[in-house]
Protein backbone atom coordinates (compact mmCIF):
# COMPACT_ATOMS: atom_id res chain seq x y z
CA MET A 1 8.63 96.05 -6.46
CA VAL A 2 9.52 93.10 -4.26
CA VAL A 3 7.09 90.97 -6.25
CA ALA A 4 8.84 91.91 -9.49
CA ALA A 5 12.22 91.03 -8.02
CA ILE A 6 10.95 87.66 -6.81
CA THR A 7 9.44 87.01 -10.25
CA ILE A 8 12.71 87.78 -12.02
CA TRP A 9 14.72 85.72 -9.55
CA ALA A 10 12.37 82.71 -9.71
CA MET A 11 12.16 82.57 -13.50
CA PHE A 12 15.88 83.10 -14.02
CA SER A 13 16.61 80.38 -11.47
CA LEU A 14 14.18 78.04 -13.19
CA TRP A 15 15.78 78.84 -16.54
CA LEU A 16 19.15 77.79 -15.10
CA ILE A 17 17.86 74.69 -13.29
CA VAL A 18 15.86 73.11 -16.13
CA PRO A 19 18.85 71.66 -18.04
CA LEU A 20 20.38 70.34 -14.82
CA ALA A 21 17.14 68.67 -13.74
CA GLY A 22 16.57 67.08 -17.13
CA LEU A 23 13.22 68.73 -17.76
CA ARG A 24 11.84 69.68 -21.16
CA ARG A 25 13.42 72.59 -22.96
CA THR A 26 10.01 74.21 -23.40
CA ILE A 27 9.93 74.89 -19.65
CA ALA A 28 13.19 76.81 -19.97
CA HIS A 29 11.86 78.71 -22.97
CA VAL A 30 8.69 79.74 -21.13
CA ALA A 31 10.73 80.79 -18.10
CA GLY A 32 12.93 82.91 -20.38
CA VAL A 33 9.90 84.52 -21.99
CA LEU A 34 8.38 85.32 -18.58
CA VAL A 35 11.56 86.90 -17.23
CA SER A 36 11.94 88.89 -20.46
CA ALA A 37 8.33 90.06 -20.29
CA GLU A 38 8.78 91.12 -16.67
CA LEU A 39 11.94 93.09 -17.45
CA LEU A 40 10.33 94.72 -20.49
CA ALA A 41 7.26 95.70 -18.47
CA LEU A 42 9.41 97.13 -15.68
CA PHE A 43 11.55 99.15 -18.11
CA THR A 44 8.47 100.44 -19.95
CA TRP A 45 6.85 101.44 -16.68
CA SER A 46 9.93 103.13 -15.23
CA PHE A 47 10.93 105.04 -18.37
CA GLY A 48 7.33 105.93 -19.28
CA THR A 49 6.54 107.46 -15.91
CA ASP A 50 9.95 108.98 -15.20
CA ARG A 51 8.99 112.66 -15.46
CA CYS A 52 5.24 112.23 -15.31
CA ILE A 53 3.47 114.41 -12.77
CA GLU A 54 -0.14 113.70 -13.76
CA PRO A 55 -1.50 110.18 -13.26
CA THR A 56 -3.03 110.11 -16.76
CA CYS A 57 0.00 111.18 -18.82
CA ALA A 58 1.35 107.76 -19.84
CA PRO A 59 -1.38 105.09 -20.17
CA VAL A 60 0.87 102.51 -21.83
CA ALA A 61 3.46 102.89 -19.10
CA GLN A 62 0.79 102.64 -16.42
CA ALA A 63 -0.54 99.44 -18.04
CA ALA A 64 2.99 98.03 -18.14
CA GLY A 65 3.37 98.84 -14.43
CA ILE A 66 0.17 97.00 -13.59
CA ALA A 67 1.30 94.03 -15.66
CA ALA A 68 4.70 94.02 -13.93
CA ARG A 69 3.14 94.16 -10.46
CA THR A 70 0.20 91.75 -10.87
CA ASP A 71 -0.30 89.94 -14.18
CA ILE A 72 3.16 88.57 -14.90
CA PRO A 73 3.81 87.50 -11.28
CA ALA A 74 0.48 85.63 -11.29
CA LEU A 75 1.43 83.85 -14.52
CA THR A 76 4.84 83.11 -13.01
CA ALA A 77 3.29 81.55 -9.91
CA ALA A 78 1.02 79.34 -12.01
CA PHE A 79 3.89 78.30 -14.26
CA LEU A 80 6.12 77.61 -11.27
CA VAL A 81 3.50 75.20 -9.91
CA PHE A 82 3.42 73.50 -13.34
CA ALA A 83 7.23 73.23 -13.40
CA LEU A 84 7.33 71.78 -9.89
CA VAL A 85 4.73 69.17 -10.84
CA ALA A 86 6.82 68.27 -13.90
CA LEU A 87 9.91 68.01 -11.71
CA ARG A 88 8.08 65.76 -9.24
CA ARG A 89 6.84 63.52 -12.05
CA ARG A 90 10.39 63.28 -13.36
CA ALA A 91 11.74 62.36 -9.91
CA TYR A 92 8.98 59.86 -9.04
CA PRO A 93 7.64 58.24 -12.23
CA ALA A 94 4.36 56.41 -11.86
């Protein structure tokens, strides 16, 4: 769950920093969507598997858990690289 916490922290921080850095608003919107998707996946996973004893009892919750642990953090890492490149281009125009 450390990866999920880092994902939430990074995207929320990016959402706050974008207006201060003067980047495009679309970057803030995508960061907001990613943090919302991560929170929704975590809530779905935790509430869907709360009283589940068998590993096959909640397939949607299990899929949300996999997305929260792997898919969304990978998208976040790729988007963070994109945002850092945009920030560098803004700081050092060619």
